[in-house]
Protein backbone atom coordinates (compact mmCIF):
# COMPACT_ATOMS: atom_id res chain seq x y z
CA MET A 1 -26.42 39.85 11.45
CA SER A 2 -26.07 37.05 8.94
CA ALA A 3 -23.56 34.25 9.41
CA HIS A 4 -21.19 35.37 6.66
CA THR A 5 -17.48 35.85 7.27
CA ALA A 6 -16.87 39.34 8.62
CA GLY A 7 -15.38 41.93 6.29
CA PRO A 8 -13.46 43.58 5.02
CA TRP A 9 -13.06 41.27 2.05
CA GLU A 10 -10.17 41.97 -0.26
CA ILE A 11 -8.98 40.81 -3.67
CA PHE A 12 -5.73 38.83 -3.80
CA ASP A 13 -4.83 37.44 -7.22
CA ALA A 14 -7.98 35.56 -8.31
CA SER A 15 -9.32 35.11 -4.77
CA ILE A 16 -11.50 37.08 -2.38
CA ILE A 17 -10.06 36.84 1.13
CA ALA A 18 -11.00 37.94 4.64
CA GLY A 19 -7.91 37.80 6.81
CA ASP A 20 -6.65 34.25 6.31
CA ILE A 21 -9.96 32.85 4.99
CA CYS A 22 -10.63 32.40 1.26
CA ILE A 23 -14.21 33.49 0.54
CA ALA A 24 -14.23 32.77 -3.20
CA THR A 25 -11.99 32.21 -6.16
CA ILE A 26 -12.81 33.66 -9.56
CA GLU A 27 -12.36 30.75 -11.95
CA THR A 28 -9.77 31.08 -14.66
CA ASP A 29 -9.90 27.61 -16.17
CA GLY A 30 -12.34 25.12 -17.62
CA GLY A 31 -13.27 27.09 -20.72
CA TYR A 32 -16.33 28.76 -19.19
CA GLU A 33 -14.72 31.78 -17.55
CA ALA A 34 -15.43 35.38 -18.42
CA ASP A 35 -12.81 37.65 -19.94
CA PRO A 36 -10.19 39.12 -17.54
CA ALA A 37 -11.90 42.51 -17.17
CA THR A 38 -15.21 40.85 -16.28
CA ARG A 39 -13.50 38.50 -13.79
CA GLN A 40 -11.89 41.53 -12.11
CA ALA A 41 -15.24 43.36 -12.00
CA ASN A 42 -16.87 40.26 -10.46
CA ALA A 43 -14.11 40.07 -7.84
CA ARG A 44 -14.61 43.74 -6.91
CA LEU A 45 -18.37 43.23 -6.57
CA ILE A 46 -17.94 40.16 -4.36
CA ALA A 47 -15.33 41.92 -2.20
CA ALA A 48 -17.75 44.82 -1.62
CA ALA A 49 -20.60 42.54 -0.47
CA PRO A 50 -20.19 42.93 3.33
CA GLU A 51 -20.12 46.73 3.11
CA MET A 52 -23.09 46.79 0.73
CA LEU A 53 -25.13 44.57 3.06
CA GLU A 54 -24.30 46.77 6.03
CA ALA A 55 -25.26 49.89 4.07
CA LEU A 56 -28.58 48.35 3.00
CA GLU A 57 -29.35 47.30 6.57
CA ASN A 58 -28.62 50.84 7.76
CA ILE A 59 -30.91 52.29 5.09
CA GLU A 60 -33.63 49.76 5.96
CA ASN A 61 -33.44 50.79 9.63
CA ASP A 62 -33.63 54.51 8.82
CA ASP A 63 -37.08 56.05 8.79
CA THR A 64 -36.46 58.42 5.88
CA HIS A 65 -38.83 58.40 2.94
CA MET A 66 -37.86 56.70 -0.28
CA PRO A 67 -39.75 55.40 -3.30
CA ALA A 68 -41.58 52.11 -2.67
CA THR A 69 -39.69 50.44 -5.52
CA ALA A 70 -36.32 51.26 -3.95
CA TRP A 71 -37.55 50.07 -0.55
CA ARG A 72 -38.65 46.71 -2.01
CA MET A 73 -35.32 46.29 -3.82
CA ILE A 74 -33.39 46.94 -0.61
CA GLN A 75 -35.47 44.47 1.37
CA SER A 76 -35.15 41.86 -1.39
CA ALA A 77 -31.36 42.24 -1.54
CA ILE A 78 -31.06 41.88 2.25
CA ARG A 79 -33.21 38.73 2.25
CA LYS A 80 -31.16 37.26 -0.61
CA ALA A 81 -27.87 38.06 1.16
CA LYS A 82 -29.13 36.35 4.31
CA GLY A 83 -30.27 33.20 2.52
CA GLY A 84 -33.95 34.02 2.11
CA ARG A 85 -36.02 34.37 -1.00
CA ALA A 86 -35.41 37.57 -2.94
């Protein structure tokens, strides 16, 4: 298991939170932010990260057959999520 804050992560206003811990804030100032719909989509993607990592780890540990390309993508995403090289 990686050292990330345990899920579930949820969206609250412009922040991603886990219990009483702020994981990230989607910037809304500075002139470089995305439009509101894109910021909301980014927040949803970030909030889903713990569940996606767990799902990928479960798939990686399963011995079912899948295309080699999909297998490499899964392994790359897990390494990236855990701080390794993608």
